[in-house]
Amino acid sequence: MAPLPDGFSYAEWNATYNALSFGIAAMGSATIFFWLQLPNVTKSYRTALTITGIVTLIATYHYIRIFNSWSEAFTVASKDGGDYEVKLTGAPFNDGYRYVDWLLTVPLLLIELILVMKLPQAETVSLSWKLGLASALMVALGYPGEIQEDLSVRWFWWCLSMIPFCFVVFTLAVGLAEATSKQPSPAAASLASAARYLTVLSWCTYPFVYMVKSVGLAGPAATMYEQVGYSLADVLAKAVFGVLIWAIAAEKSAVEESGKLLPN
């Protein structure tokens, strides 16, 4: 929980306010959608879809907490109908909620992808443990650098967190290629491939946002870019990714119910 810099313009404050509001709306709507779709997929894929809804529910809760913390940290007022003036209230802005959220949801995101791909049980268990632990380690290593002002310390923790990050990304991009090709229909294979690469793409956003304060950018602008960047990446990595998980489950359920499931 680092103190906020003074001197926010209304545009900078409002951009962050809107990004956090968008995060709440996107995650909350996605949660309702995923759970309403549970009866429309076969039993084999309900666990994956349930986890998808849990991920967005956890994210919704934490976005509400971040939004409330942001709102309480400022007073925004207009004098005599003129420009809005933004001032710090002295209340701390707790951005640590993001790391609590990621520590819970990032491993679940990978597990739901593995479950919906319906791999052999031994492979499912092995990959779930490997990717789940690697992703949790990645988040845990990133947090000490996030709360540091010393750029050399931030870079040190960034480099450490990139080790498990690269392992997970390599597994998604290369290690799961064969399993993707064995999906029961071309549409399911295409959706599974899209889910893998969306995860890689959205995940690659986080290290760059993390580096905003590591390349000399500071003050209100850096805080705004960080909050907006993380919010957009979260929506892609959780809500949009979840829609792909649902689409895979729906497609594979339709294939199975029609008796056209291809042999592995």
C-alpha atoms as a PDB file:
ATOM      1  CA  MET A   1       0.000   0.000   0.000  1.00  0.00           C
ATOM      2  CA  ALA A   2       2.052   2.939  -1.300  1.00  0.00           C
ATOM      3  CA  PRO A   3       0.952   6.566  -0.784  1.00  0.00           C
ATOM      4  CA  LEU A   4      -0.666   8.186  -3.792  1.00  0.00           C
ATOM      5  CA  PRO A   5       1.133  11.094  -5.473  1.00  0.00           C
ATOM      6  CA  ASP A   6      -0.519  14.482  -5.294  1.00  0.00           C
ATOM      7  CA  GLY A   7      -1.511  16.556  -8.309  1.00  0.00           C
ATOM      8  CA  PHE A   8      -4.038  14.349 -10.111  1.00  0.00           C
ATOM      9  CA  SER A   9      -5.933  16.073 -12.872  1.00  0.00           C
ATOM     10  CA  TYR A  10      -9.622  15.322 -13.242  1.00  0.00           C
ATOM     11  CA  ALA A  11      -8.922  13.450 -16.502  1.00  0.00           C
ATOM     12  CA  GLU A  12      -6.382  11.172 -14.779  1.00  0.00           C
ATOM     13  CA  TRP A  13      -8.653  10.519 -11.812  1.00  0.00           C
ATOM     14  CA  ASN A  14     -11.675   9.929 -14.040  1.00  0.00           C
ATOM     15  CA  ALA A  15      -9.850   7.528 -16.377  1.00  0.00           C
ATOM     16  CA  THR A  16      -8.987   5.301 -13.415  1.00  0.00           C
ATOM     17  CA  TYR A  17     -12.482   5.667 -11.946  1.00  0.00           C
ATOM     18  CA  ASN A  18     -14.041   4.552 -15.242  1.00  0.00           C
ATOM     19  CA  ALA A  19     -11.581   1.659 -15.694  1.00  0.00           C
ATOM     20  CA  LEU A  20     -12.401   0.290 -12.237  1.00  0.00           C
ATOM     21  CA  SER A  21     -16.146   0.755 -12.874  1.00  0.00           C
ATOM     22  CA  PHE A  22     -15.776  -1.144 -16.139  1.00  0.00           C
ATOM     23  CA  GLY A  23     -13.969  -3.930 -14.289  1.00  0.00           C
ATOM     24  CA  ILE A  24     -16.845  -4.308 -11.829  1.00  0.00           C
ATOM     25  CA  ALA A  25     -19.493  -4.314 -14.580  1.00  0.00           C
ATOM     26  CA  ALA A  26     -17.619  -6.753 -16.835  1.00  0.00           C
ATOM     27  CA  MET A  27     -16.712  -9.227 -14.090  1.00  0.00           C
ATOM     28  CA  GLY A  28     -20.139  -9.109 -12.458  1.00  0.00           C
ATOM     29  CA  SER A  29     -22.014  -9.588 -15.732  1.00  0.00           C
ATOM     30  CA  ALA A  30     -19.701 -12.427 -16.741  1.00  0.00           C
ATOM     31  CA  THR A  31     -20.299 -14.223 -13.433  1.00  0.00           C
ATOM     32  CA  ILE A  32     -24.063 -14.168 -13.902  1.00  0.00           C
ATOM     33  CA  PHE A  33     -23.765 -15.335 -17.512  1.00  0.00           C
ATOM     34  CA  PHE A  34     -21.438 -18.260 -16.746  1.00  0.00           C
ATOM     35  CA  TRP A  35     -23.569 -19.633 -13.958  1.00  0.00           C
ATOM     36  CA  LEU A  36     -26.779 -19.266 -15.971  1.00  0.00           C
ATOM     37  CA  GLN A  37     -25.140 -21.369 -18.682  1.00  0.00           C
ATOM     38  CA  LEU A  38     -24.347 -24.314 -16.370  1.00  0.00           C
ATOM     39  CA  PRO A  39     -27.503 -26.300 -17.273  1.00  0.00           C
ATOM     40  CA  ASN A  40     -26.690 -25.880 -20.989  1.00  0.00           C
ATOM     41  CA  VAL A  41     -23.435 -27.867 -20.913  1.00  0.00           C
ATOM     42  CA  THR A  42     -22.938 -31.536 -20.121  1.00  0.00           C
ATOM     43  CA  LYS A  43     -21.818 -32.705 -16.695  1.00  0.00           C
ATOM     44  CA  SER A  44     -18.232 -33.190 -17.892  1.00  0.00           C
ATOM     45  CA  TYR A  45     -17.735 -29.434 -18.353  1.00  0.00           C
ATOM     46  CA  ARG A  46     -19.752 -27.972 -15.477  1.00  0.00           C
ATOM     47  CA  THR A  47     -16.770 -27.939 -13.124  1.00  0.00           C
ATOM     48  CA  ALA A  48     -14.750 -25.843 -15.576  1.00  0.00           C
ATOM     49  CA  LEU A  49     -17.642 -23.431 -16.087  1.00  0.00           C
ATOM     50  CA  THR A  50     -18.284 -23.213 -12.343  1.00  0.00           C
ATOM     51  CA  ILE A  51     -14.626 -22.319 -11.756  1.00  0.00           C
ATOM     52  CA  THR A  52     -14.901 -19.698 -14.499  1.00  0.00           C
ATOM     53  CA  GLY A  53     -17.756 -18.069 -12.593  1.00  0.00           C
ATOM     54  CA  ILE A  54     -15.833 -18.275  -9.314  1.00  0.00           C
ATOM     55  CA  VAL A  55     -12.885 -16.484 -10.950  1.00  0.00           C
ATOM     56  CA  THR A  56     -15.028 -13.575 -12.133  1.00  0.00           C
ATOM     57  CA  LEU A  57     -16.924 -13.482  -8.809  1.00  0.00           C
ATOM     58  CA  ILE A  58     -13.641 -13.137  -6.892  1.00  0.00           C
ATOM     59  CA  ALA A  59     -12.543 -10.464  -9.357  1.00  0.00           C
ATOM     60  CA  THR A  60     -15.853  -8.596  -8.948  1.00  0.00           C
ATOM     61  CA  TYR A  61     -15.410  -8.495  -5.176  1.00  0.00           C
ATOM     62  CA  HIS A  62     -11.856  -7.211  -5.385  1.00  0.00           C
ATOM     63  CA  TYR A  63     -12.717  -4.620  -8.034  1.00  0.00           C
ATOM     64  CA  ILE A  64     -15.439  -3.275  -5.744  1.00  0.00           C
ATOM     65  CA  ARG A  65     -12.876  -3.006  -2.934  1.00  0.00           C
ATOM     66  CA  ILE A  66     -10.324  -1.262  -5.194  1.00  0.00           C
ATOM     67  CA  PHE A  67     -13.024   1.077  -6.551  1.00  0.00           C
ATOM     68  CA  ASN A  68     -14.177   2.015  -3.043  1.00  0.00           C
ATOM     69  CA  SER A  69     -10.593   2.558  -1.918  1.00  0.00           C
ATOM     70  CA  TRP A  70      -9.949   4.812  -4.934  1.00  0.00           C
ATOM     71  CA  SER A  71     -13.103   6.833  -4.307  1.00  0.00           C
ATOM     72  CA  GLU A  72     -12.301   7.289  -0.612  1.00  0.00           C
ATOM     73  CA  ALA A  73      -8.762   8.491  -1.386  1.00  0.00           C
ATOM     74  CA  PHE A  74      -9.988  11.625  -3.215  1.00  0.00           C
ATOM     75  CA  THR A  75     -12.432  14.465  -3.067  1.00  0.00           C
ATOM     76  CA  VAL A  76     -13.633  15.748  -6.425  1.00  0.00           C
ATOM     77  CA  ALA A  77     -15.468  19.060  -6.493  1.00  0.00           C
ATOM     78  CA  SER A  78     -16.299  21.868  -8.891  1.00  0.00           C
ATOM     79  CA  LYS A  79     -16.147  25.456  -7.737  1.00  0.00           C
ATOM     80  CA  ASP A  80     -18.853  27.733  -9.121  1.00  0.00           C
ATOM     81  CA  GLY A  81     -19.490  25.402 -12.066  1.00  0.00           C
ATOM     82  CA  GLY A  82     -15.864  25.513 -13.201  1.00  0.00           C
ATOM     83  CA  ASP A  83     -13.326  22.747 -13.735  1.00  0.00           C
ATOM     84  CA  TYR A  84     -13.288  19.843 -11.324  1.00  0.00           C
ATOM     85  CA  GLU A  85     -10.564  19.898  -8.710  1.00  0.00           C
ATOM     86  CA  VAL A  86      -9.122  16.636  -7.403  1.00  0.00           C
ATOM     87  CA  LYS A  87      -7.554  16.487  -3.938  1.00  0.00           C
ATOM     88  CA  LEU A  88      -6.224  13.656  -1.787  1.00  0.00           C
ATOM     89  CA  THR A  89      -8.238  12.981   1.387  1.00  0.00           C
ATOM     90  CA  GLY A  90      -5.338  11.314   3.162  1.00  0.00           C
ATOM     91  CA  ALA A  91      -7.083   7.936   3.131  1.00  0.00           C
ATOM     92  CA  PRO A  92      -4.762   5.211   1.799  1.00  0.00           C
ATOM     93  CA  PHE A  93      -5.395   3.624  -1.586  1.00  0.00           C
ATOM     94  CA  ASN A  94      -5.045  -0.134  -1.184  1.00  0.00           C
ATOM     95  CA  ASP A  95      -4.013  -1.663  -4.491  1.00  0.00           C
ATOM     96  CA  GLY A  96      -2.897  -4.840  -2.712  1.00  0.00           C
ATOM     97  CA  TYR A  97      -6.346  -6.249  -3.448  1.00  0.00           C
ATOM     98  CA  ARG A  98      -5.110  -6.908  -6.988  1.00  0.00           C
ATOM     99  CA  TYR A  99      -2.429  -9.294  -5.795  1.00  0.00           C
ATOM    100  CA  VAL A 100      -4.835 -11.110  -3.488  1.00  0.00           C
ATOM    101  CA  ASP A 101      -7.159 -11.461  -6.463  1.00  0.00           C
ATOM    102  CA  TRP A 102      -4.402 -12.723  -8.783  1.00  0.00           C
ATOM    103  CA  LEU A 103      -3.072 -15.182  -6.221  1.00  0.00           C
ATOM    104  CA  LEU A 104      -6.530 -16.785  -6.099  1.00  0.00           C
ATOM    105  CA  THR A 105      -7.711 -16.444  -9.680  1.00  0.00           C
ATOM    106  CA  VAL A 106      -4.638 -16.927 -11.866  1.00  0.00           C
ATOM    107  CA  PRO A 107      -4.124 -20.609 -10.927  1.00  0.00           C
ATOM    108  CA  LEU A 108      -7.872 -21.195 -11.326  1.00  0.00           C
ATOM    109  CA  LEU A 109      -7.800 -19.677 -14.827  1.00  0.00           C
ATOM    110  CA  LEU A 110      -5.260 -22.241 -15.943  1.00  0.00           C
ATOM    111  CA  ILE A 111      -7.048 -25.109 -14.217  1.00  0.00           C
ATOM    112  CA  GLU A 112     -10.353 -24.292 -15.924  1.00  0.00           C
ATOM    113  CA  LEU A 113      -8.631 -24.380 -19.334  1.00  0.00           C
ATOM    114  CA  ILE A 114      -7.097 -27.765 -18.569  1.00  0.00           C
ATOM    115  CA  LEU A 115     -10.436 -29.138 -17.324  1.00  0.00           C
ATOM    116  CA  VAL A 116     -12.417 -27.978 -20.349  1.00  0.00           C
ATOM    117  CA  MET A 117      -9.883 -29.586 -22.686  1.00  0.00           C
ATOM    118  CA  LYS A 118     -10.752 -32.944 -21.049  1.00  0.00           C
ATOM    119  CA  LEU A 119      -7.257 -34.405 -21.067  1.00  0.00           C
ATOM    120  CA  PRO A 120      -6.439 -37.829 -19.583  1.00  0.00           C
ATOM    121  CA  GLN A 121      -6.778 -37.737 -15.791  1.00  0.00           C
ATOM    122  CA  ALA A 122      -3.075 -38.169 -15.030  1.00  0.00           C
ATOM    123  CA  GLU A 123      -2.158 -35.350 -17.433  1.00  0.00           C
ATOM    124  CA  THR A 124      -4.922 -33.137 -16.043  1.00  0.00           C
ATOM    125  CA  VAL A 125      -3.691 -33.548 -12.469  1.00  0.00           C
ATOM    126  CA  SER A 126      -0.032 -33.062 -13.430  1.00  0.00           C
ATOM    127  CA  LEU A 127      -0.628 -29.936 -15.497  1.00  0.00           C
ATOM    128  CA  SER A 128      -2.991 -28.440 -12.917  1.00  0.00           C
ATOM    129  CA  TRP A 129      -0.366 -28.731 -10.195  1.00  0.00           C
ATOM    130  CA  LYS A 130       2.526 -27.524 -12.344  1.00  0.00           C
ATOM    131  CA  LEU A 131       0.752 -24.539 -13.890  1.00  0.00           C
ATOM    132  CA  GLY A 132      -1.162 -23.673 -10.727  1.00  0.00           C
ATOM    133  CA  LEU A 133       1.951 -23.568  -8.543  1.00  0.00           C
ATOM    134  CA  ALA A 134       4.023 -21.762 -11.194  1.00  0.00           C
ATOM    135  CA  SER A 135       1.391 -19.062 -11.663  1.00  0.00           C
ATOM    136  CA  ALA A 136       0.979 -18.571  -7.883  1.00  0.00           C
ATOM    137  CA  LEU A 137       4.761 -18.262  -7.549  1.00  0.00           C
ATOM    138  CA  MET A 138       4.785 -15.699 -10.359  1.00  0.00           C
ATOM    139  CA  VAL A 139       2.255 -13.499  -8.533  1.00  0.00           C
ATOM    140  CA  ALA A 140       3.994 -13.908  -5.163  1.00  0.00           C
ATOM    141  CA  LEU A 141       7.353 -12.883  -6.620  1.00  0.00           C
ATOM    142  CA  GLY A 142       5.854  -9.844  -8.346  1.00  0.00           C
ATOM    143  CA  TYR A 143       4.315  -8.274  -5.236  1.00  0.00           C
ATOM    144  CA  PRO A 144       7.515  -7.272  -3.364  1.00  0.00           C
ATOM    145  CA  GLY A 145       8.622  -5.283  -6.401  1.00  0.00           C
ATOM    146  CA  GLU A 146       5.219  -3.661  -6.860  1.00  0.00           C
ATOM    147  CA  ILE A 147       5.405  -1.942  -3.476  1.00  0.00           C
ATOM    148  CA  GLN A 148       8.990  -0.700  -3.943  1.00  0.00           C
ATOM    149  CA  GLU A 149       9.999   2.764  -5.095  1.00  0.00           C
ATOM    150  CA  ASP A 150      13.618   1.717  -5.702  1.00  0.00           C
ATOM    151  CA  LEU A 151      13.791   0.917  -9.429  1.00  0.00           C
ATOM    152  CA  SER A 152      16.633  -1.583  -9.070  1.00  0.00           C
ATOM    153  CA  VAL A 153      14.582  -3.557  -6.541  1.00  0.00           C
ATOM    154  CA  ARG A 154      11.518  -3.456  -8.803  1.00  0.00           C
ATOM    155  CA  TRP A 155      13.579  -4.820 -11.705  1.00  0.00           C
ATOM    156  CA  PHE A 156      15.021  -7.578  -9.498  1.00  0.00           C
ATOM    157  CA  TRP A 157      11.587  -8.893  -8.513  1.00  0.00           C
ATOM    158  CA  TRP A 158      10.278  -8.438 -12.059  1.00  0.00           C
ATOM    159  CA  CYS A 159      13.058 -10.687 -13.379  1.00  0.00           C
ATOM    160  CA  LEU A 160      12.372 -13.322 -10.736  1.00  0.00           C
ATOM    161  CA  SER A 161       8.632 -13.369 -11.468  1.00  0.00           C
ATOM    162  CA  MET A 162       9.338 -13.735 -15.190  1.00  0.00           C
ATOM    163  CA  ILE A 163      10.897 -17.190 -14.627  1.00  0.00           C
ATOM    164  CA  PRO A 164       7.613 -18.966 -13.722  1.00  0.00           C
ATOM    165  CA  PHE A 165       5.817 -16.625 -16.142  1.00  0.00           C
ATOM    166  CA  CYS A 166       7.883 -17.915 -19.076  1.00  0.00           C
ATOM    167  CA  PHE A 167       7.294 -21.526 -18.008  1.00  0.00           C
ATOM    168  CA  VAL A 168       3.515 -21.047 -18.005  1.00  0.00           C
ATOM    169  CA  VAL A 169       3.472 -19.150 -21.307  1.00  0.00           C
ATOM    170  CA  PHE A 170       5.656 -21.778 -22.987  1.00  0.00           C
ATOM    171  CA  THR A 171       3.371 -24.568 -21.744  1.00  0.00           C
ATOM    172  CA  LEU A 172       0.285 -22.766 -23.052  1.00  0.00           C
ATOM    173  CA  ALA A 173       1.797 -21.870 -26.418  1.00  0.00           C
ATOM    174  CA  VAL A 174       3.716 -25.083 -27.124  1.00  0.00           C
ATOM    175  CA  GLY A 175       3.027 -27.757 -24.509  1.00  0.00           C
ATOM    176  CA  LEU A 176      -0.732 -27.877 -25.083  1.00  0.00           C
ATOM    177  CA  ALA A 177      -0.574 -27.759 -28.889  1.00  0.00           C
ATOM    178  CA  GLU A 178      -0.942 -31.524 -29.313  1.00  0.00           C
ATOM    179  CA  ALA A 179      -3.839 -31.714 -26.856  1.00  0.00           C
ATOM    180  CA  THR A 180      -5.576 -28.895 -28.729  1.00  0.00           C
ATOM    181  CA  SER A 181      -5.327 -30.788 -32.019  1.00  0.00           C
ATOM    182  CA  LYS A 182      -7.130 -33.752 -30.420  1.00  0.00           C
ATOM    183  CA  GLN A 183     -10.278 -31.844 -29.560  1.00  0.00           C
ATOM    184  CA  PRO A 184     -13.486 -33.511 -30.826  1.00  0.00           C
ATOM    185  CA  SER A 185     -14.294 -31.027 -33.580  1.00  0.00           C
ATOM    186  CA  PRO A 186     -12.513 -28.364 -35.642  1.00  0.00           C
ATOM    187  CA  ALA A 187     -14.577 -25.681 -33.899  1.00  0.00           C
ATOM    188  CA  ALA A 188     -13.585 -26.941 -30.446  1.00  0.00           C
ATOM    189  CA  ALA A 189      -9.922 -27.123 -31.475  1.00  0.00           C
ATOM    190  CA  SER A 190     -10.083 -23.583 -32.851  1.00  0.00           C
ATOM    191  CA  LEU A 191     -11.716 -22.261 -29.655  1.00  0.00           C
ATOM    192  CA  ALA A 192      -9.192 -24.064 -27.441  1.00  0.00           C
ATOM    193  CA  SER A 193      -6.358 -22.588 -29.476  1.00  0.00           C
ATOM    194  CA  ALA A 194      -7.932 -19.115 -29.187  1.00  0.00           C
ATOM    195  CA  ALA A 195      -8.232 -19.522 -25.397  1.00  0.00           C
ATOM    196  CA  ARG A 196      -4.566 -20.503 -25.118  1.00  0.00           C
ATOM    197  CA  TYR A 197      -3.330 -17.597 -27.185  1.00  0.00           C
ATOM    198  CA  LEU A 198      -5.683 -15.094 -25.552  1.00  0.00           C
ATOM    199  CA  THR A 199      -4.181 -16.121 -22.212  1.00  0.00           C
ATOM    200  CA  VAL A 200      -0.668 -15.634 -23.574  1.00  0.00           C
ATOM    201  CA  LEU A 201      -1.600 -12.254 -25.092  1.00  0.00           C
ATOM    202  CA  SER A 202      -3.382 -10.921 -22.010  1.00  0.00           C
ATOM    203  CA  TRP A 203      -0.662 -12.206 -19.697  1.00  0.00           C
ATOM    204  CA  CYS A 204       2.032 -10.460 -21.717  1.00  0.00           C
ATOM    205  CA  THR A 205       0.259  -7.185 -20.938  1.00  0.00           C
ATOM    206  CA  TYR A 206       0.930  -7.468 -17.197  1.00  0.00           C
ATOM    207  CA  PRO A 207       4.766  -7.339 -17.289  1.00  0.00           C
ATOM    208  CA  PHE A 208       4.632  -4.216 -19.442  1.00  0.00           C
ATOM    209  CA  VAL A 209       2.159  -2.483 -17.129  1.00  0.00           C
ATOM    210  CA  TYR A 210       4.329  -3.532 -14.183  1.00  0.00           C
ATOM    211  CA  MET A 211       7.275  -1.807 -15.879  1.00  0.00           C
ATOM    212  CA  VAL A 212       5.474   1.548 -16.118  1.00  0.00           C
ATOM    213  CA  LYS A 213       7.004   2.677 -12.822  1.00  0.00           C
ATOM    214  CA  SER A 214      10.293   0.909 -13.609  1.00  0.00           C
ATOM    215  CA  VAL A 215      11.159   3.037 -16.649  1.00  0.00           C
ATOM    216  CA  GLY A 216      11.179   6.352 -14.834  1.00  0.00           C
ATOM    217  CA  LEU A 217       7.514   7.292 -15.262  1.00  0.00           C
ATOM    218  CA  ALA A 218       6.111   8.531 -11.961  1.00  0.00           C
ATOM    219  CA  GLY A 219       3.396  10.635 -10.429  1.00  0.00           C
ATOM    220  CA  PRO A 220      -0.320  10.638 -11.247  1.00  0.00           C
ATOM    221  CA  ALA A 221       0.192   9.643 -14.894  1.00  0.00           C
ATOM    222  CA  ALA A 222       2.057   6.465 -13.912  1.00  0.00           C
ATOM    223  CA  THR A 223      -0.672   5.524 -11.425  1.00  0.00           C
ATOM    224  CA  MET A 224      -3.371   6.103 -14.038  1.00  0.00           C
ATOM    225  CA  TYR A 225      -1.608   4.024 -16.714  1.00  0.00           C
ATOM    226  CA  GLU A 226      -1.022   1.229 -14.215  1.00  0.00           C
ATOM    227  CA  GLN A 227      -4.632   1.077 -13.010  1.00  0.00           C
ATOM    228  CA  VAL A 228      -6.159   1.337 -16.487  1.00  0.00           C
ATOM    229  CA  GLY A 229      -3.705  -1.183 -17.933  1.00  0.00           C
ATOM    230  CA  TYR A 230      -4.268  -3.764 -15.216  1.00  0.00           C
ATOM    231  CA  SER A 231      -8.045  -3.333 -15.426  1.00  0.00           C
ATOM    232  CA  LEU A 232      -8.183  -3.906 -19.188  1.00  0.00           C
ATOM    233  CA  ALA A 233      -5.813  -6.884 -18.941  1.00  0.00           C
ATOM    234  CA  ASP A 234      -7.960  -8.404 -16.180  1.00  0.00           C
ATOM    235  CA  VAL A 235     -11.132  -8.145 -18.249  1.00  0.00           C
ATOM    236  CA  LEU A 236      -9.406  -9.904 -21.153  1.00  0.00           C
ATOM    237  CA  ALA A 237      -7.789 -12.567 -18.974  1.00  0.00           C
ATOM    238  CA  LYS A 238     -10.911 -13.353 -16.931  1.00  0.00           C
ATOM    239  CA  ALA A 239     -14.210 -12.271 -18.525  1.00  0.00           C
ATOM    240  CA  VAL A 240     -13.307 -12.644 -22.221  1.00  0.00           C
ATOM    241  CA  PHE A 241     -11.270 -15.790 -21.537  1.00  0.00           C
ATOM    242  CA  GLY A 242     -14.243 -17.147 -19.607  1.00  0.00           C
ATOM    243  CA  VAL A 243     -16.501 -16.631 -22.623  1.00  0.00           C
ATOM    244  CA  LEU A 244     -14.114 -18.809 -24.636  1.00  0.00           C
ATOM    245  CA  ILE A 245     -14.203 -21.486 -21.914  1.00  0.00           C
ATOM    246  CA  TRP A 246     -18.004 -21.440 -22.101  1.00  0.00           C
ATOM    247  CA  ALA A 247     -17.889 -21.626 -25.901  1.00  0.00           C
ATOM    248  CA  ILE A 248     -15.563 -24.647 -25.777  1.00  0.00           C
ATOM    249  CA  ALA A 249     -17.804 -26.379 -23.223  1.00  0.00           C
ATOM    250  CA  ALA A 250     -20.924 -25.629 -25.282  1.00  0.00           C
ATOM    251  CA  GLU A 251     -19.356 -26.864 -28.525  1.00  0.00           C
ATOM    252  CA  LYS A 252     -18.025 -30.085 -26.993  1.00  0.00           C
ATOM    253  CA  SER A 253     -21.335 -30.698 -25.227  1.00  0.00           C
ATOM    254  CA  ALA A 254     -23.174 -30.363 -28.538  1.00  0.00           C
ATOM    255  CA  VAL A 255     -20.772 -32.785 -30.231  1.00  0.00           C
ATOM    256  CA  GLU A 256     -21.099 -35.345 -27.447  1.00  0.00           C
ATOM    257  CA  GLU A 257     -24.870 -35.098 -27.329  1.00  0.00           C
ATOM    258  CA  SER A 258     -25.126 -35.572 -31.061  1.00  0.00           C
ATOM    259  CA  GLY A 259     -23.030 -38.731 -30.851  1.00  0.00           C
ATOM    260  CA  LYS A 260     -20.265 -37.303 -33.034  1.00  0.00           C
ATOM    261  CA  LEU A 261     -17.475 -37.368 -30.493  1.00  0.00           C
ATOM    262  CA  LEU A 262     -14.245 -38.321 -32.253  1.00  0.00           C
ATOM    263  CA  PRO A 263     -11.963 -40.954 -30.682  1.00  0.00           C
ATOM    264  CA  ASN A 264      -8.775 -39.698 -29.010  1.00  0.00           C
END
